[in-house]
């Protein structure tokens, strides 16, 4: 979410006035924003693409598919680690993602 857009999505509760830091789920353009982020993430990876919430790999062998998936998961882990989410142990995150292969 662009900083200048925060005030446009401010909301009021009995506890005060608040603004979102990131795009909240359920917003009208959240799917477009998510897809744009995934396309940027996968832009440098050959034979990898995204569709809605799926990662697509266009490979001829299972081994190449696993290597492509590993690169996708590492790129995703790096993105998560560089966001302003609460601190995450990078080694634990990447190894847990790679253990799914």
PDB file of N, CA and C in Angstrom:
ATOM      1  N   UNK A   1       0.848  -1.175   0.000  1.00  0.00           N
ATOM      2  CA  UNK A   1       0.000   0.000   0.000  1.00  0.00           C
ATOM      3  C   UNK A   1       0.891   1.235   0.000  1.00  0.00           C
ATOM      4  N   UNK A   2       0.585   2.146  -0.878  1.00  0.00           N
ATOM      5  CA  UNK A   2       1.352   3.386  -0.955  1.00  0.00           C
ATOM      6  C   UNK A   2       1.068   4.254   0.271  1.00  0.00           C
ATOM      7  N   UNK A   3       2.089   4.915   0.822  1.00  0.00           N
ATOM      8  CA  UNK A   3       1.893   5.735   2.027  1.00  0.00           C
ATOM      9  C   UNK A   3       0.788   6.780   1.875  1.00  0.00           C
ATOM     10  N   UNK A   4       0.663   7.374   0.696  1.00  0.00           N
ATOM     11  CA  UNK A   4      -0.356   8.416   0.502  1.00  0.00           C
ATOM     12  C   UNK A   4      -1.776   7.841   0.493  1.00  0.00           C
ATOM     13  N   UNK A   5      -1.912   6.519   0.386  1.00  0.00           N
ATOM     14  CA  UNK A   5      -3.234   5.900   0.367  1.00  0.00           C
ATOM     15  C   UNK A   5      -3.742   5.546   1.762  1.00  0.00           C
ATOM     16  N   UNK A   6      -2.884   5.561   2.753  1.00  0.00           N
ATOM     17  CA  UNK A   6      -3.274   5.142   4.103  1.00  0.00           C
ATOM     18  C   UNK A   6      -4.430   5.952   4.650  1.00  0.00           C
ATOM     19  N   UNK A   7      -4.387   7.261   4.484  1.00  0.00           N
ATOM     20  CA  UNK A   7      -5.445   8.107   5.065  1.00  0.00           C
ATOM     21  C   UNK A   7      -6.796   7.860   4.395  1.00  0.00           C
ATOM     22  N   UNK A   8      -6.791   7.386   3.154  1.00  0.00           N
ATOM     23  CA  UNK A   8      -8.045   7.113   2.447  1.00  0.00           C
ATOM     24  C   UNK A   8      -8.744   5.880   2.988  1.00  0.00           C
ATOM     25  N   UNK A   9      -7.994   5.010   3.667  1.00  0.00           N
ATOM     26  CA  UNK A   9      -8.588   3.790   4.210  1.00  0.00           C
ATOM     27  C   UNK A   9      -8.603   3.799   5.731  1.00  0.00           C
ATOM     28  N   UNK A  10      -8.545   4.981   6.316  1.00  0.00           N
ATOM     29  CA  UNK A  10      -8.615   5.099   7.772  1.00  0.00           C
ATOM     30  C   UNK A  10     -10.002   4.688   8.259  1.00  0.00           C
ATOM     31  N   UNK A  11     -10.064   4.227   9.489  1.00  0.00           N
ATOM     32  CA  UNK A  11     -11.347   3.827  10.069  1.00  0.00           C
ATOM     33  C   UNK A  11     -11.374   4.218  11.541  1.00  0.00           C
ATOM     34  N   UNK A  12     -12.580   4.350  12.070  1.00  0.00           N
ATOM     35  CA  UNK A  12     -12.770   4.788  13.444  1.00  0.00           C
ATOM     36  C   UNK A  12     -13.444   3.680  14.237  1.00  0.00           C
ATOM     37  N   UNK A  13     -12.935   3.438  15.453  1.00  0.00           N
ATOM     38  CA  UNK A  13     -13.547   2.498  16.388  1.00  0.00           C
ATOM     39  C   UNK A  13     -13.747   3.243  17.700  1.00  0.00           C
ATOM     40  N   UNK A  14     -14.415   2.628  18.660  1.00  0.00           N
ATOM     41  CA  UNK A  14     -14.541   3.283  19.968  1.00  0.00           C
ATOM     42  C   UNK A  14     -13.191   3.566  20.628  1.00  0.00           C
ATOM     43  N   UNK A  15     -12.132   2.857  20.177  1.00  0.00           N
ATOM     44  CA  UNK A  15     -10.799   3.040  20.759  1.00  0.00           C
ATOM     45  C   UNK A  15      -9.986   4.122  20.068  1.00  0.00           C
ATOM     46  N   UNK A  16     -10.476   4.664  18.946  1.00  0.00           N
ATOM     47  CA  UNK A  16      -9.743   5.715  18.258  1.00  0.00           C
ATOM     48  C   UNK A  16      -9.788   5.582  16.744  1.00  0.00           C
ATOM     49  N   UNK A  17      -9.010   6.430  16.079  1.00  0.00           N
ATOM     50  CA  UNK A  17      -8.914   6.444  14.619  1.00  0.00           C
ATOM     51  C   UNK A  17      -7.640   5.694  14.213  1.00  0.00           C
ATOM     52  N   UNK A  18      -7.748   4.811  13.233  1.00  0.00           N
ATOM     53  CA  UNK A  18      -6.620   3.972  12.837  1.00  0.00           C
ATOM     54  C   UNK A  18      -6.454   3.968  11.322  1.00  0.00           C
ATOM     55  N   UNK A  19      -5.233   3.628  10.884  1.00  0.00           N
ATOM     56  CA  UNK A  19      -4.919   3.474   9.465  1.00  0.00           C
ATOM     57  C   UNK A  19      -4.212   2.135   9.272  1.00  0.00           C
ATOM     58  N   UNK A  20      -4.504   1.474   8.155  1.00  0.00           N
ATOM     59  CA  UNK A  20      -3.822   0.228   7.836  1.00  0.00           C
ATOM     60  C   UNK A  20      -2.381   0.521   7.445  1.00  0.00           C
ATOM     61  N   UNK A  21      -1.463  -0.374   7.803  1.00  0.00           N
ATOM     62  CA  UNK A  21      -0.074  -0.275   7.355  1.00  0.00           C
ATOM     63  C   UNK A  21       0.115  -1.003   6.034  1.00  0.00           C
ATOM     64  N   UNK A  22      -0.676  -2.061   5.842  1.00  0.00           N
ATOM     65  CA  UNK A  22      -0.613  -2.877   4.631  1.00  0.00           C
ATOM     66  C   UNK A  22      -2.029  -3.062   4.111  1.00  0.00           C
ATOM     67  N   UNK A  23      -2.128  -3.569   2.894  1.00  0.00           N
ATOM     68  CA  UNK A  23      -3.437  -3.832   2.298  1.00  0.00           C
ATOM     69  C   UNK A  23      -4.160  -4.906   3.117  1.00  0.00           C
ATOM     70  N   UNK A  24      -5.311  -4.594   3.679  1.00  0.00           N
ATOM     71  CA  UNK A  24      -6.044  -5.600   4.456  1.00  0.00           C
ATOM     72  C   UNK A  24      -6.745  -6.586   3.529  1.00  0.00           C
ATOM     73  N   UNK A  25      -6.952  -7.806   4.017  1.00  0.00           N
ATOM     74  CA  UNK A  25      -7.698  -8.784   3.231  1.00  0.00           C
ATOM     75  C   UNK A  25      -9.122  -8.295   3.040  1.00  0.00           C
ATOM     76  N   UNK A  26      -9.691  -8.640   1.918  1.00  0.00           N
ATOM     77  CA  UNK A  26     -11.061  -8.253   1.637  1.00  0.00           C
ATOM     78  C   UNK A  26     -11.195  -6.933   0.916  1.00  0.00           C
ATOM     79  N   UNK A  27     -10.094  -6.255   0.678  1.00  0.00           N
ATOM     80  CA  UNK A  27     -10.164  -4.995  -0.055  1.00  0.00           C
ATOM     81  C   UNK A  27     -10.392  -5.303  -1.537  1.00  0.00           C
ATOM     82  N   UNK A  28     -10.981  -4.364  -2.238  1.00  0.00           N
ATOM     83  CA  UNK A  28     -11.374  -4.582  -3.631  1.00  0.00           C
ATOM     84  C   UNK A  28     -10.213  -4.955  -4.539  1.00  0.00           C
ATOM     85  N   UNK A  29      -9.040  -4.380  -4.371  1.00  0.00           N
ATOM     86  CA  UNK A  29      -7.920  -4.634  -5.273  1.00  0.00           C
ATOM     87  C   UNK A  29      -6.842  -5.528  -4.666  1.00  0.00           C
ATOM     88  N   UNK A  30      -7.141  -6.214  -3.583  1.00  0.00           N
ATOM     89  CA  UNK A  30      -6.102  -7.014  -2.941  1.00  0.00           C
ATOM     90  C   UNK A  30      -5.616  -8.149  -3.831  1.00  0.00           C
ATOM     91  N   UNK A  31      -6.484  -8.743  -4.640  1.00  0.00           N
ATOM     92  CA  UNK A  31      -6.066  -9.808  -5.553  1.00  0.00           C
ATOM     93  C   UNK A  31      -5.098  -9.271  -6.590  1.00  0.00           C
ATOM     94  N   UNK A  32      -5.394  -8.115  -7.139  1.00  0.00           N
ATOM     95  CA  UNK A  32      -4.512  -7.495  -8.130  1.00  0.00           C
ATOM     96  C   UNK A  32      -3.165  -7.168  -7.497  1.00  0.00           C
ATOM     97  N   UNK A  33      -3.186  -6.631  -6.280  1.00  0.00           N
ATOM     98  CA  UNK A  33      -1.947  -6.287  -5.585  1.00  0.00           C
ATOM     99  C   UNK A  33      -1.115  -7.535  -5.317  1.00  0.00           C
ATOM    100  N   UNK A  34      -1.764  -8.608  -4.869  1.00  0.00           N
ATOM    101  CA  UNK A  34      -1.059  -9.863  -4.594  1.00  0.00           C
ATOM    102  C   UNK A  34      -0.455 -10.423  -5.876  1.00  0.00           C
ATOM    103  N   UNK A  35      -1.226 -10.432  -6.968  1.00  0.00           N
ATOM    104  CA  UNK A  35      -0.714 -10.968  -8.233  1.00  0.00           C
ATOM    105  C   UNK A  35       0.455 -10.132  -8.757  1.00  0.00           C
ATOM    106  N   UNK A  36       0.394  -8.832  -8.612  1.00  0.00           N
ATOM    107  CA  UNK A  36       1.490  -7.972  -9.045  1.00  0.00           C
ATOM    108  C   UNK A  36       2.759  -8.287  -8.247  1.00  0.00           C
ATOM    109  N   UNK A  37       2.607  -8.479  -6.948  1.00  0.00           N
ATOM    110  CA  UNK A  37       3.744  -8.816  -6.107  1.00  0.00           C
ATOM    111  C   UNK A  37       4.336 -10.170  -6.501  1.00  0.00           C
ATOM    112  N   UNK A  38       3.491 -11.162  -6.765  1.00  0.00           N
ATOM    113  CA  UNK A  38       3.980 -12.491  -7.157  1.00  0.00           C
ATOM    114  C   UNK A  38       4.691 -12.442  -8.508  1.00  0.00           C
ATOM    115  N   UNK A  39       4.174 -11.673  -9.437  1.00  0.00           N
ATOM    116  CA  UNK A  39       4.830 -11.567 -10.753  1.00  0.00           C
ATOM    117  C   UNK A  39       6.200 -10.908 -10.628  1.00  0.00           C
ATOM    118  N   UNK A  40       6.310  -9.901  -9.785  1.00  0.00           N
ATOM    119  CA  UNK A  40       7.616  -9.276  -9.551  1.00  0.00           C
ATOM    120  C   UNK A  40       8.572 -10.254  -8.879  1.00  0.00           C
ATOM    121  N   UNK A  41       8.052 -11.021  -7.927  1.00  0.00           N
ATOM    122  CA  UNK A  41       8.860 -12.003  -7.214  1.00  0.00           C
ATOM    123  C   UNK A  41       9.408 -13.061  -8.169  1.00  0.00           C
ATOM    124  N   UNK A  42       8.582 -13.521  -9.102  1.00  0.00           N
ATOM    125  CA  UNK A  42       8.969 -14.609 -10.003  1.00  0.00           C
ATOM    126  C   UNK A  42       9.564 -14.122 -11.312  1.00  0.00           C
ATOM    127  N   UNK A  43       9.715 -12.815 -11.468  1.00  0.00           N
ATOM    128  CA  UNK A  43      10.178 -12.247 -12.724  1.00  0.00           C
ATOM    129  C   UNK A  43      11.544 -12.775 -13.148  1.00  0.00           C
ATOM    130  N   UNK A  44      12.450 -12.973 -12.200  1.00  0.00           N
ATOM    131  CA  UNK A  44      13.807 -13.428 -12.526  1.00  0.00           C
ATOM    132  C   UNK A  44      13.933 -14.941 -12.628  1.00  0.00           C
ATOM    133  N   UNK A  45      12.873 -15.660 -12.367  1.00  0.00           N
ATOM    134  CA  UNK A  45      12.919 -17.119 -12.418  1.00  0.00           C
ATOM    135  C   UNK A  45      12.343 -17.612 -13.743  1.00  0.00           C
ATOM    136  N   UNK A  46      13.140 -18.375 -14.463  1.00  0.00           N
ATOM    137  CA  UNK A  46      12.651 -18.933 -15.720  1.00  0.00           C
ATOM    138  C   UNK A  46      11.693 -20.072 -15.440  1.00  0.00           C
ATOM    139  N   UNK A  47      10.713 -20.229 -16.288  1.00  0.00           N
ATOM    140  CA  UNK A  47       9.752 -21.328 -16.219  1.00  0.00           C
ATOM    141  C   UNK A  47       8.916 -21.333 -14.946  1.00  0.00           C
ATOM    142  N   UNK A  48       8.758 -20.180 -14.312  1.00  0.00           N
ATOM    143  CA  UNK A  48       7.920 -20.083 -13.117  1.00  0.00           C
ATOM    144  C   UNK A  48       6.928 -18.945 -13.327  1.00  0.00           C
ATOM    145  N   UNK A  49       5.708 -19.168 -12.874  1.00  0.00           N
ATOM    146  CA  UNK A  49       4.666 -18.161 -13.013  1.00  0.00           C
ATOM    147  C   UNK A  49       3.678 -18.337 -11.872  1.00  0.00           C
ATOM    148  N   UNK A  50       2.775 -17.404 -11.735  1.00  0.00           N
ATOM    149  CA  UNK A  50       1.734 -17.534 -10.720  1.00  0.00           C
ATOM    150  C   UNK A  50       0.375 -17.288 -11.356  1.00  0.00           C
ATOM    151  N   UNK A  51      -0.613 -17.935 -10.812  1.00  0.00           N
ATOM    152  CA  UNK A  51      -1.992 -17.729 -11.239  1.00  0.00           C
ATOM    153  C   UNK A  51      -2.855 -17.765  -9.989  1.00  0.00           C
ATOM    154  N   UNK A  52      -3.527 -16.684  -9.707  1.00  0.00           N
ATOM    155  CA  UNK A  52      -4.314 -16.501  -8.490  1.00  0.00           C
ATOM    156  C   UNK A  52      -3.409 -16.810  -7.298  1.00  0.00           C
ATOM    157  N   UNK A  53      -3.601 -17.946  -6.609  1.00  0.00           N
ATOM    158  CA  UNK A  53      -2.752 -18.257  -5.454  1.00  0.00           C
ATOM    159  C   UNK A  53      -1.908 -19.511  -5.686  1.00  0.00           C
ATOM    160  N   UNK A  54      -1.630 -19.841  -6.938  1.00  0.00           N
ATOM    161  CA  UNK A  54      -0.846 -21.020  -7.290  1.00  0.00           C
ATOM    162  C   UNK A  54       0.500 -20.623  -7.882  1.00  0.00           C
ATOM    163  N   UNK A  55       1.530 -21.425  -7.598  1.00  0.00           N
ATOM    164  CA  UNK A  55       2.814 -21.305  -8.262  1.00  0.00           C
ATOM    165  C   UNK A  55       2.839 -22.322  -9.387  1.00  0.00           C
ATOM    166  N   UNK A  56       3.199 -21.893 -10.581  1.00  0.00           N
ATOM    167  CA  UNK A  56       3.241 -22.781 -11.743  1.00  0.00           C
ATOM    168  C   UNK A  56       4.678 -22.949 -12.188  1.00  0.00           C
ATOM    169  N   UNK A  57       5.051 -24.189 -12.496  1.00  0.00           N
ATOM    170  CA  UNK A  57       6.386 -24.486 -12.978  1.00  0.00           C
ATOM    171  C   UNK A  57       6.256 -25.264 -14.280  1.00  0.00           C
ATOM    172  N   UNK A  58       6.936 -24.782 -15.320  1.00  0.00           N
ATOM    173  CA  UNK A  58       6.845 -25.400 -16.642  1.00  0.00           C
ATOM    174  C   UNK A  58       8.133 -26.161 -16.914  1.00  0.00           C
ATOM    175  N   UNK A  59       8.242 -27.356 -16.400  1.00  0.00           N
ATOM    176  CA  UNK A  59       9.453 -28.161 -16.534  1.00  0.00           C
ATOM    177  C   UNK A  59       9.127 -29.516 -17.132  1.00  0.00           C
ATOM    178  N   UNK A  60      10.158 -30.162 -17.672  1.00  0.00           N
ATOM    179  CA  UNK A  60       9.946 -31.470 -18.294  1.00  0.00           C
ATOM    180  C   UNK A  60      10.209 -32.635 -17.345  1.00  0.00           C
ATOM    181  N   UNK A  61      11.014 -32.408 -16.295  1.00  0.00           N
ATOM    182  CA  UNK A  61      11.304 -33.506 -15.368  1.00  0.00           C
ATOM    183  C   UNK A  61      10.932 -33.098 -13.946  1.00  0.00           C
ATOM    184  N   UNK A  62      10.719 -34.096 -13.115  1.00  0.00           N
ATOM    185  CA  UNK A  62      10.372 -33.866 -11.716  1.00  0.00           C
ATOM    186  C   UNK A  62      11.520 -33.171 -10.975  1.00  0.00           C
ATOM    187  N   UNK A  63      12.756 -33.567 -11.265  1.00  0.00           N
ATOM    188  CA  UNK A  63      13.910 -32.965 -10.607  1.00  0.00           C
ATOM    189  C   UNK A  63      13.995 -31.465 -10.913  1.00  0.00           C
ATOM    190  N   UNK A  64      13.797 -31.105 -12.170  1.00  0.00           N
ATOM    191  CA  UNK A  64      13.824 -29.683 -12.534  1.00  0.00           C
ATOM    192  C   UNK A  64      12.666 -28.922 -11.893  1.00  0.00           C
ATOM    193  N   UNK A  65      11.523 -29.570 -11.779  1.00  0.00           N
ATOM    194  CA  UNK A  65      10.374 -28.951 -11.124  1.00  0.00           C
ATOM    195  C   UNK A  65      10.695 -28.668  -9.655  1.00  0.00           C
ATOM    196  N   UNK A  66      11.335 -29.612  -8.985  1.00  0.00           N
ATOM    197  CA  UNK A  66      11.705 -29.422  -7.574  1.00  0.00           C
ATOM    198  C   UNK A  66      12.727 -28.301  -7.428  1.00  0.00           C
ATOM    199  N   UNK A  67      13.701 -28.221  -8.351  1.00  0.00           N
ATOM    200  CA  UNK A  67      14.683 -27.141  -8.298  1.00  0.00           C
ATOM    201  C   UNK A  67      14.013 -25.778  -8.502  1.00  0.00           C
ATOM    202  N   UNK A  68      13.085 -25.712  -9.439  1.00  0.00           N
ATOM    203  CA  UNK A  68      12.361 -24.467  -9.698  1.00  0.00           C
ATOM    204  C   UNK A  68      11.528 -24.071  -8.475  1.00  0.00           C
ATOM    205  N   UNK A  69      10.855 -25.040  -7.872  1.00  0.00           N
ATOM    206  CA  UNK A  69      10.055 -24.776  -6.678  1.00  0.00           C
ATOM    207  C   UNK A  69      10.937 -24.295  -5.534  1.00  0.00           C
ATOM    208  N   UNK A  70      12.114 -24.893  -5.398  1.00  0.00           N
ATOM    209  CA  UNK A  70      13.048 -24.471  -4.358  1.00  0.00           C
ATOM    210  C   UNK A  70      13.444 -23.004  -4.555  1.00  0.00           C
ATOM    211  N   UNK A  71      13.738 -22.609  -5.792  1.00  0.00           N
ATOM    212  CA  UNK A  71      14.086 -21.215  -6.078  1.00  0.00           C
ATOM    213  C   UNK A  71      12.919 -20.281  -5.758  1.00  0.00           C
ATOM    214  N   UNK A  72      11.698 -20.720  -6.077  1.00  0.00           N
ATOM    215  CA  UNK A  72      10.507 -19.916  -5.774  1.00  0.00           C
ATOM    216  C   UNK A  72      10.352 -19.733  -4.272  1.00  0.00           C
ATOM    217  N   UNK A  73      10.524 -20.806  -3.511  1.00  0.00           N
ATOM    218  CA  UNK A  73      10.356 -20.729  -2.059  1.00  0.00           C
ATOM    219  C   UNK A  73      11.446 -19.878  -1.410  1.00  0.00           C
ATOM    220  N   UNK A  74      12.666 -19.972  -1.918  1.00  0.00           N
ATOM    221  CA  UNK A  74      13.742 -19.138  -1.383  1.00  0.00           C
ATOM    222  C   UNK A  74      13.447 -17.665  -1.663  1.00  0.00           C
ATOM    223  N   UNK A  75      12.993 -17.357  -2.884  1.00  0.00           N
ATOM    224  CA  UNK A  75      12.648 -15.968  -3.224  1.00  0.00           C
ATOM    225  C   UNK A  75      11.513 -15.467  -2.338  1.00  0.00           C
ATOM    226  N   UNK A  76      10.524 -16.314  -2.094  1.00  0.00           N
ATOM    227  CA  UNK A  76       9.401 -15.936  -1.226  1.00  0.00           C
ATOM    228  C   UNK A  76       9.878 -15.721   0.212  1.00  0.00           C
ATOM    229  N   UNK A  77      10.745 -16.585   0.694  1.00  0.00           N
ATOM    230  CA  UNK A  77      11.274 -16.434   2.055  1.00  0.00           C
ATOM    231  C   UNK A  77      12.053 -15.133   2.189  1.00  0.00           C
ATOM    232  N   UNK A  78      12.853 -14.794   1.181  1.00  0.00           N
ATOM    233  CA  UNK A  78      13.609 -13.539   1.221  1.00  0.00           C
ATOM    234  C   UNK A  78      12.671 -12.339   1.238  1.00  0.00           C
ATOM    235  N   UNK A  79      11.588 -12.429   0.475  1.00  0.00           N
ATOM    236  CA  UNK A  79      10.611 -11.342   0.469  1.00  0.00           C
ATOM    237  C   UNK A  79       9.987 -11.173   1.850  1.00  0.00           C
ATOM    238  N   UNK A  80       9.620 -12.273   2.464  1.00  0.00           N
ATOM    239  CA  UNK A  80       9.011 -12.230   3.798  1.00  0.00           C
ATOM    240  C   UNK A  80      10.003 -11.648   4.804  1.00  0.00           C
ATOM    241  N   UNK A  81      11.262 -12.051   4.701  1.00  0.00           N
ATOM    242  CA  UNK A  81      12.268 -11.586   5.651  1.00  0.00           C
ATOM    243  C   UNK A  81      12.566 -10.105   5.509  1.00  0.00           C
ATOM    244  N   UNK A  82      12.382  -9.551   4.314  1.00  0.00           N
ATOM    245  CA  UNK A  82      12.660  -8.132   4.104  1.00  0.00           C
ATOM    246  C   UNK A  82      11.432  -7.251   4.289  1.00  0.00           C
ATOM    247  N   UNK A  83      10.306  -7.863   4.660  1.00  0.00           N
ATOM    248  CA  UNK A  83       9.114  -7.061   4.930  1.00  0.00           C
ATOM    249  C   UNK A  83       9.149  -6.600   6.378  1.00  0.00           C
ATOM    250  N   UNK A  84       8.143  -5.848   6.797  1.00  0.00           N
ATOM    251  CA  UNK A  84       8.125  -5.370   8.174  1.00  0.00           C
ATOM    252  C   UNK A  84       7.279  -6.266   9.077  1.00  0.00           C
ATOM    253  N   UNK A  85       7.310  -7.571   8.785  1.00  0.00           N
ATOM    254  CA  UNK A  85       6.647  -8.534   9.661  1.00  0.00           C
ATOM    255  C   UNK A  85       7.467  -8.681  10.940  1.00  0.00           C
ATOM    256  N   UNK A  86       6.850  -9.218  11.996  1.00  0.00           N
ATOM    257  CA  UNK A  86       7.635  -9.449  13.208  1.00  0.00           C
ATOM    258  C   UNK A  86       8.860 -10.300  12.883  1.00  0.00           C
ATOM    259  N   UNK A  87       9.911 -10.174  13.688  1.00  0.00           N
ATOM    260  CA  UNK A  87      11.167 -10.852  13.376  1.00  0.00           C
ATOM    261  C   UNK A  87      10.971 -12.350  13.207  1.00  0.00           C
ATOM    262  N   UNK A  88      11.632 -12.882  12.186  1.00  0.00           N
ATOM    263  CA  UNK A  88      11.544 -14.296  11.847  1.00  0.00           C
ATOM    264  C   UNK A  88      12.964 -14.812  11.707  1.00  0.00           C
ATOM    265  N   UNK A  89      13.229 -15.995  12.223  1.00  0.00           N
ATOM    266  CA  UNK A  89      14.535 -16.613  12.062  1.00  0.00           C
ATOM    267  C   UNK A  89      14.654 -17.092  10.620  1.00  0.00           C
ATOM    268  N   UNK A  90      15.549 -16.483   9.841  1.00  0.00           N
ATOM    269  CA  UNK A  90      15.649 -16.784   8.410  1.00  0.00           C
ATOM    270  C   UNK A  90      16.021 -18.231   8.159  1.00  0.00           C
ATOM    271  N   UNK A  91      16.914 -18.788   8.931  1.00  0.00           N
ATOM    272  CA  UNK A  91      17.326 -20.178   8.735  1.00  0.00           C
ATOM    273  C   UNK A  91      16.154 -21.115   8.958  1.00  0.00           C
ATOM    274  N   UNK A  92      15.393 -20.888  10.004  1.00  0.00           N
ATOM    275  CA  UNK A  92      14.235 -21.727  10.305  1.00  0.00           C
ATOM    276  C   UNK A  92      13.181 -21.614   9.219  1.00  0.00           C
ATOM    277  N   UNK A  93      12.912 -20.394   8.762  1.00  0.00           N
ATOM    278  CA  UNK A  93      11.892 -20.189   7.743  1.00  0.00           C
ATOM    279  C   UNK A  93      12.267 -20.869   6.432  1.00  0.00           C
ATOM    280  N   UNK A  94      13.477 -20.622   5.948  1.00  0.00           N
ATOM    281  CA  UNK A  94      13.898 -21.208   4.673  1.00  0.00           C
ATOM    282  C   UNK A  94      13.973 -22.723   4.770  1.00  0.00           C
ATOM    283  N   UNK A  95      14.499 -23.253   5.865  1.00  0.00           N
ATOM    284  CA  UNK A  95      14.591 -24.708   5.977  1.00  0.00           C
ATOM    285  C   UNK A  95      13.209 -25.345   6.078  1.00  0.00           C
ATOM    286  N   UNK A  96      12.273 -24.694   6.755  1.00  0.00           N
ATOM    287  CA  UNK A  96      10.926 -25.257   6.843  1.00  0.00           C
ATOM    288  C   UNK A  96      10.217 -25.219   5.492  1.00  0.00           C
ATOM    289  N   UNK A  97      10.466 -24.171   4.701  1.00  0.00           N
ATOM    290  CA  UNK A  97       9.889 -24.127   3.361  1.00  0.00           C
ATOM    291  C   UNK A  97      10.510 -25.191   2.476  1.00  0.00           C
ATOM    292  N   UNK A  98      11.819 -25.374   2.553  1.00  0.00           N
ATOM    293  CA  UNK A  98      12.496 -26.359   1.720  1.00  0.00           C
ATOM    294  C   UNK A  98      12.192 -27.788   2.157  1.00  0.00           C
ATOM    295  N   UNK A  99      11.851 -27.986   3.418  1.00  0.00           N
ATOM    296  CA  UNK A  99      11.494 -29.330   3.889  1.00  0.00           C
ATOM    297  C   UNK A  99      10.212 -29.834   3.237  1.00  0.00           C
ATOM    298  N   UNK A 100       9.425 -28.918   2.678  1.00  0.00           N
ATOM    299  CA  UNK A 100       8.182 -29.342   2.032  1.00  0.00           C
ATOM    300  C   UNK A 100       8.423 -29.990   0.678  1.00  0.00           C
ATOM    301  N   UNK A 101       9.653 -29.897   0.165  1.00  0.00           N
ATOM    302  CA  UNK A 101       9.953 -30.493  -1.159  1.00  0.00           C
ATOM    303  C   UNK A 101       9.996 -31.991  -1.086  1.00  0.00           C
TER     304      UNK A 101
END
